[in-house]
C-alpha cells in the first residue's frame, strides 16, 4: 500500500468510508455514528456503493481505484465499522494517503486495527456511540504527528517492503 499522490493543500472532505459490501463493511453503523457526530457543514462520502444522497452524506458509487484514492487524499478522516475484517486494505490505503483512521473493533485478522490503536486509541470504538465520539475527536482533536506516525506504521506494507520480503525470505524458503 503506497501513497497514491501528493496531499492537497486543503482536505475539503470531512470524512469518507468504503462500503462495496454494505453489510460486511457496517455502512449502517457508519451512517448512524455520522448522523450523531456530524456538524451541519460536514459531509461523509460513501465510496463503493450507490445510494440516495442525504443531508451530510454523498454516495460516490463505484469508482476507479485512482478516483477513490484521489478522494482519500482530500478526506480528513476515514471511518470504518466492519462486522468482520479480513485485512483492512481500505484502511491502510487511507492511512497511506494521510487520513486519520476512525475504526470500530471487529473480529478477523484485521491488520489495520492494531495500527489504529497504536496511532490513537481514542479513535478505536467498541460500539456506535463510541464511534460517533471517535469521529468527533478525529475531526476536532487529531493527535499531533498522526500522519508521520501513520506513514511509519504503514511502511512494512509498501510495495518496496513487500518486494524485499518476497525476494529475501519467501523465494529462498520456496527454493530451499
C-alpha atoms as a PDB file:
ATOM      1  CA  UNK A   1       0.000   0.000   0.000  1.00  0.00           C
ATOM      2  CA  UNK A   2       1.756   3.085  -1.286  1.00  0.00           C
ATOM      3  CA  UNK A   3       0.655   6.722  -1.096  1.00  0.00           C
ATOM      4  CA  UNK A   4      -1.326   7.486  -4.240  1.00  0.00           C
ATOM      5  CA  UNK A   5      -0.081  11.012  -4.741  1.00  0.00           C
ATOM      6  CA  UNK A   6       0.835  14.234  -3.016  1.00  0.00           C
ATOM      7  CA  UNK A   7      -1.516  15.512  -0.322  1.00  0.00           C
ATOM      8  CA  UNK A   8      -3.648  18.503  -1.255  1.00  0.00           C
ATOM      9  CA  UNK A   9      -3.144  21.895   0.356  1.00  0.00           C
ATOM     10  CA  UNK A  10      -6.606  21.600   1.913  1.00  0.00           C
ATOM     11  CA  UNK A  11      -8.585  18.481   2.787  1.00  0.00           C
ATOM     12  CA  UNK A  12     -12.109  19.553   1.824  1.00  0.00           C
ATOM     13  CA  UNK A  13     -13.963  16.317   2.683  1.00  0.00           C
ATOM     14  CA  UNK A  14     -14.641  15.820   6.385  1.00  0.00           C
ATOM     15  CA  UNK A  15     -14.931  12.026   6.245  1.00  0.00           C
ATOM     16  CA  UNK A  16     -15.018   9.085   3.867  1.00  0.00           C
ATOM     17  CA  UNK A  17     -15.878   5.413   4.124  1.00  0.00           C
ATOM     18  CA  UNK A  18     -15.748   2.453   1.736  1.00  0.00           C
ATOM     19  CA  UNK A  19     -18.786   0.172   1.593  1.00  0.00           C
ATOM     20  CA  UNK A  20     -18.741  -2.037  -1.510  1.00  0.00           C
ATOM     21  CA  UNK A  21     -20.349  -4.722   0.691  1.00  0.00           C
ATOM     22  CA  UNK A  22     -22.557  -2.527   2.903  1.00  0.00           C
ATOM     23  CA  UNK A  23     -23.472  -5.197   5.472  1.00  0.00           C
ATOM     24  CA  UNK A  24     -19.912  -6.520   5.939  1.00  0.00           C
ATOM     25  CA  UNK A  25     -18.451  -3.013   5.999  1.00  0.00           C
ATOM     26  CA  UNK A  26     -21.043  -1.868   8.550  1.00  0.00           C
ATOM     27  CA  UNK A  27     -22.386   1.009   6.491  1.00  0.00           C
ATOM     28  CA  UNK A  28     -25.461   1.217   8.732  1.00  0.00           C
ATOM     29  CA  UNK A  29     -23.152   1.681  11.740  1.00  0.00           C
ATOM     30  CA  UNK A  30     -21.091   4.337   9.986  1.00  0.00           C
ATOM     31  CA  UNK A  31     -24.203   6.255   8.916  1.00  0.00           C
ATOM     32  CA  UNK A  32     -25.725   6.108  12.409  1.00  0.00           C
ATOM     33  CA  UNK A  33     -22.496   7.308  14.023  1.00  0.00           C
ATOM     34  CA  UNK A  34     -22.090  10.027  11.385  1.00  0.00           C
ATOM     35  CA  UNK A  35     -25.654  11.258  11.966  1.00  0.00           C
ATOM     36  CA  UNK A  36     -24.901  11.696  15.657  1.00  0.00           C
ATOM     37  CA  UNK A  37     -21.439  13.210  15.213  1.00  0.00           C
ATOM     38  CA  UNK A  38     -21.526  15.499  12.188  1.00  0.00           C
ATOM     39  CA  UNK A  39     -21.833  19.227  12.150  1.00  0.00           C
ATOM     40  CA  UNK A  40     -24.063  20.992   9.635  1.00  0.00           C
ATOM     41  CA  UNK A  41     -21.195  21.917   7.303  1.00  0.00           C
ATOM     42  CA  UNK A  42     -19.585  18.446   7.253  1.00  0.00           C
ATOM     43  CA  UNK A  43     -20.036  15.725   4.666  1.00  0.00           C
ATOM     44  CA  UNK A  44     -19.330  11.993   4.655  1.00  0.00           C
ATOM     45  CA  UNK A  45     -18.526  10.498   1.246  1.00  0.00           C
ATOM     46  CA  UNK A  46     -19.539   6.853   0.852  1.00  0.00           C
ATOM     47  CA  UNK A  47     -17.466   5.137  -1.830  1.00  0.00           C
ATOM     48  CA  UNK A  48     -18.033   1.717  -3.381  1.00  0.00           C
ATOM     49  CA  UNK A  49     -21.831   1.723  -3.373  1.00  0.00           C
ATOM     50  CA  UNK A  50     -24.577   3.866  -4.862  1.00  0.00           C
ATOM     51  CA  UNK A  51     -27.398   5.306  -2.825  1.00  0.00           C
ATOM     52  CA  UNK A  52     -29.543   8.371  -2.417  1.00  0.00           C
ATOM     53  CA  UNK A  53     -27.605  11.373  -1.147  1.00  0.00           C
ATOM     54  CA  UNK A  54     -28.960  12.859   2.052  1.00  0.00           C
ATOM     55  CA  UNK A  55     -28.065  15.723   4.304  1.00  0.00           C
ATOM     56  CA  UNK A  56     -24.386  15.368   5.148  1.00  0.00           C
ATOM     57  CA  UNK A  57     -23.912  12.155   3.129  1.00  0.00           C
ATOM     58  CA  UNK A  58     -22.874  11.831  -0.514  1.00  0.00           C
ATOM     59  CA  UNK A  59     -22.765   8.435  -2.239  1.00  0.00           C
ATOM     60  CA  UNK A  60     -19.944   8.295  -4.793  1.00  0.00           C
ATOM     61  CA  UNK A  61     -20.824   4.825  -6.144  1.00  0.00           C
ATOM     62  CA  UNK A  62     -18.254   2.507  -7.668  1.00  0.00           C
ATOM     63  CA  UNK A  63     -15.057   4.300  -8.581  1.00  0.00           C
ATOM     64  CA  UNK A  64     -11.897   3.503 -10.464  1.00  0.00           C
ATOM     65  CA  UNK A  65      -9.049   2.953  -7.974  1.00  0.00           C
ATOM     66  CA  UNK A  66      -7.353   6.240  -8.875  1.00  0.00           C
ATOM     67  CA  UNK A  67     -10.620   8.181  -8.359  1.00  0.00           C
ATOM     68  CA  UNK A  68     -11.150   6.543  -4.968  1.00  0.00           C
ATOM     69  CA  UNK A  69      -7.590   7.285  -3.868  1.00  0.00           C
ATOM     70  CA  UNK A  70      -7.987  10.907  -5.017  1.00  0.00           C
ATOM     71  CA  UNK A  71     -10.975  11.165  -2.657  1.00  0.00           C
ATOM     72  CA  UNK A  72      -8.883   9.675   0.171  1.00  0.00           C
ATOM     73  CA  UNK A  73      -6.267  12.380  -0.349  1.00  0.00           C
ATOM     74  CA  UNK A  74      -8.993  15.014   0.047  1.00  0.00           C
ATOM     75  CA  UNK A  75     -10.543  13.475   3.197  1.00  0.00           C
ATOM     76  CA  UNK A  76      -9.571  14.340   6.760  1.00  0.00           C
ATOM     77  CA  UNK A  77     -10.995  11.177   8.369  1.00  0.00           C
ATOM     78  CA  UNK A  78     -11.627   7.621   7.198  1.00  0.00           C
ATOM     79  CA  UNK A  79     -14.436   5.848   9.117  1.00  0.00           C
ATOM     80  CA  UNK A  80     -14.544   2.055   9.346  1.00  0.00           C
ATOM     81  CA  UNK A  81     -17.068  -0.088  11.235  1.00  0.00           C
ATOM     82  CA  UNK A  82     -16.934  -3.571   9.690  1.00  0.00           C
ATOM     83  CA  UNK A  83     -18.732  -6.561  11.139  1.00  0.00           C
ATOM     84  CA  UNK A  84     -15.712  -8.655  10.086  1.00  0.00           C
ATOM     85  CA  UNK A  85     -12.454  -7.501   8.538  1.00  0.00           C
ATOM     86  CA  UNK A  86     -10.076  -9.751   6.669  1.00  0.00           C
ATOM     87  CA  UNK A  87      -7.109  -7.410   6.352  1.00  0.00           C
ATOM     88  CA  UNK A  88      -8.074  -3.766   6.183  1.00  0.00           C
ATOM     89  CA  UNK A  89      -6.637  -2.733   2.824  1.00  0.00           C
ATOM     90  CA  UNK A  90      -9.025   0.231   2.545  1.00  0.00           C
ATOM     91  CA  UNK A  91      -7.932   1.413   5.995  1.00  0.00           C
ATOM     92  CA  UNK A  92      -4.242   1.016   5.084  1.00  0.00           C
ATOM     93  CA  UNK A  93      -4.822   2.972   1.869  1.00  0.00           C
ATOM     94  CA  UNK A  94      -6.498   5.719   3.892  1.00  0.00           C
ATOM     95  CA  UNK A  95      -3.526   5.871   6.270  1.00  0.00           C
ATOM     96  CA  UNK A  96      -1.085   5.895   3.344  1.00  0.00           C
ATOM     97  CA  UNK A  97      -2.971   8.846   1.854  1.00  0.00           C
ATOM     98  CA  UNK A  98      -2.966  10.853   5.083  1.00  0.00           C
ATOM     99  CA  UNK A  99      -6.422  10.235   6.549  1.00  0.00           C
ATOM    100  CA  UNK A 100      -6.958   9.935  10.274  1.00  0.00           C
ATOM    101  CA  UNK A 101      -8.428   6.454  10.842  1.00  0.00           C
ATOM    102  CA  UNK A 102     -11.533   6.017  12.999  1.00  0.00           C
ATOM    103  CA  UNK A 103     -12.211   2.321  13.431  1.00  0.00           C
ATOM    104  CA  UNK A 104     -14.717   0.144  15.211  1.00  0.00           C
ATOM    105  CA  UNK A 105     -13.431  -3.039  16.798  1.00  0.00           C
ATOM    106  CA  UNK A 106     -14.202  -6.067  14.606  1.00  0.00           C
ATOM    107  CA  UNK A 107     -13.267  -9.740  14.546  1.00  0.00           C
ATOM    108  CA  UNK A 108     -10.992 -11.158  11.890  1.00  0.00           C
ATOM    109  CA  UNK A 109      -7.310 -10.829  11.056  1.00  0.00           C
ATOM    110  CA  UNK A 110      -7.842  -7.031  10.617  1.00  0.00           C
ATOM    111  CA  UNK A 111      -4.198  -5.948  10.339  1.00  0.00           C
ATOM    112  CA  UNK A 112      -5.173  -2.256  10.282  1.00  0.00           C
ATOM    113  CA  UNK A 113      -6.859  -2.364  13.713  1.00  0.00           C
ATOM    114  CA  UNK A 114      -3.703  -2.604  15.861  1.00  0.00           C
ATOM    115  CA  UNK A 115      -2.206   0.180  13.764  1.00  0.00           C
ATOM    116  CA  UNK A 116      -5.258   2.333  14.508  1.00  0.00           C
ATOM    117  CA  UNK A 117      -4.887   1.621  18.239  1.00  0.00           C
ATOM    118  CA  UNK A 118      -1.169   2.463  18.152  1.00  0.00           C
ATOM    119  CA  UNK A 119      -1.814   5.727  16.325  1.00  0.00           C
ATOM    120  CA  UNK A 120      -4.589   6.972  18.625  1.00  0.00           C
ATOM    121  CA  UNK A 121      -6.550   4.599  20.861  1.00  0.00           C
ATOM    122  CA  UNK A 122      -9.228   7.289  21.314  1.00  0.00           C
ATOM    123  CA  UNK A 123     -10.281   6.626  17.726  1.00  0.00           C
ATOM    124  CA  UNK A 124     -10.988   2.892  18.104  1.00  0.00           C
ATOM    125  CA  UNK A 125     -14.573   2.323  19.217  1.00  0.00           C
ATOM    126  CA  UNK A 126     -16.406  -0.684  20.613  1.00  0.00           C
ATOM    127  CA  UNK A 127     -19.956   0.497  19.729  1.00  0.00           C
ATOM    128  CA  UNK A 128     -21.888   3.094  17.692  1.00  0.00           C
ATOM    129  CA  UNK A 129     -21.874   5.671  20.493  1.00  0.00           C
ATOM    130  CA  UNK A 130     -18.132   5.289  20.789  1.00  0.00           C
ATOM    131  CA  UNK A 131     -17.809   5.512  17.009  1.00  0.00           C
ATOM    132  CA  UNK A 132     -19.634   8.840  16.928  1.00  0.00           C
ATOM    133  CA  UNK A 133     -17.426  10.174  19.708  1.00  0.00           C
ATOM    134  CA  UNK A 134     -14.303   8.922  17.898  1.00  0.00           C
ATOM    135  CA  UNK A 135     -15.384  10.678  14.688  1.00  0.00           C
ATOM    136  CA  UNK A 136     -15.832  13.940  16.540  1.00  0.00           C
ATOM    137  CA  UNK A 137     -12.446  13.509  18.274  1.00  0.00           C
ATOM    138  CA  UNK A 138     -10.717  12.813  14.957  1.00  0.00           C
ATOM    139  CA  UNK A 139     -12.211  15.899  13.362  1.00  0.00           C
ATOM    140  CA  UNK A 140     -11.750  18.243  16.324  1.00  0.00           C
ATOM    141  CA  UNK A 141      -8.650  16.976  18.098  1.00  0.00           C
ATOM    142  CA  UNK A 142      -6.401  14.857  15.856  1.00  0.00           C
ATOM    143  CA  UNK A 143      -3.224  13.697  17.584  1.00  0.00           C
ATOM    144  CA  UNK A 144      -0.060  15.651  16.839  1.00  0.00           C
ATOM    145  CA  UNK A 145       2.206  13.923  14.330  1.00  0.00           C
ATOM    146  CA  UNK A 146      -0.511  11.440  13.331  1.00  0.00           C
ATOM    147  CA  UNK A 147       0.273  11.423   9.592  1.00  0.00           C
ATOM    148  CA  UNK A 148       4.009  10.972  10.143  1.00  0.00           C
ATOM    149  CA  UNK A 149       3.475   8.110  12.580  1.00  0.00           C
ATOM    150  CA  UNK A 150       0.948   6.529  10.196  1.00  0.00           C
ATOM    151  CA  UNK A 151       3.491   6.668   7.375  1.00  0.00           C
ATOM    152  CA  UNK A 152       5.988   4.802   9.541  1.00  0.00           C
ATOM    153  CA  UNK A 153       3.451   2.160  10.637  1.00  0.00           C
ATOM    154  CA  UNK A 154       2.291   1.517   7.071  1.00  0.00           C
ATOM    155  CA  UNK A 155       5.884   1.223   5.766  1.00  0.00           C
ATOM    156  CA  UNK A 156       6.021  -2.613   6.102  1.00  0.00           C
ATOM    157  CA  UNK A 157       3.024  -2.824   3.726  1.00  0.00           C
ATOM    158  CA  UNK A 158       4.501  -0.610   0.990  1.00  0.00           C
ATOM    159  CA  UNK A 159       5.424  -2.178  -2.350  1.00  0.00           C
ATOM    160  CA  UNK A 160       9.194  -1.982  -1.802  1.00  0.00           C
ATOM    161  CA  UNK A 161       8.949  -3.644   1.619  1.00  0.00           C
ATOM    162  CA  UNK A 162       6.738  -6.464   0.330  1.00  0.00           C
ATOM    163  CA  UNK A 163       9.016  -6.986  -2.692  1.00  0.00           C
ATOM    164  CA  UNK A 164      12.044  -7.211  -0.388  1.00  0.00           C
ATOM    165  CA  UNK A 165      10.258  -9.705   1.868  1.00  0.00           C
ATOM    166  CA  UNK A 166       9.396 -11.898  -1.117  1.00  0.00           C
ATOM    167  CA  UNK A 167      12.936 -11.710  -2.536  1.00  0.00           C
ATOM    168  CA  UNK A 168      14.804 -12.111   0.757  1.00  0.00           C
ATOM    169  CA  UNK A 169      12.648 -14.602   2.651  1.00  0.00           C
ATOM    170  CA  UNK A 170       9.835 -16.155   0.652  1.00  0.00           C
ATOM    171  CA  UNK A 171      11.658 -17.148  -2.533  1.00  0.00           C
ATOM    172  CA  UNK A 172      14.684 -18.597  -0.696  1.00  0.00           C
ATOM    173  CA  UNK A 173      12.326 -20.619   1.510  1.00  0.00           C
ATOM    174  CA  UNK A 174      10.395 -21.901  -1.513  1.00  0.00           C
ATOM    175  CA  UNK A 175      13.560 -22.767  -3.404  1.00  0.00           C
ATOM    176  CA  UNK A 176      15.282 -24.480  -0.471  1.00  0.00           C
END
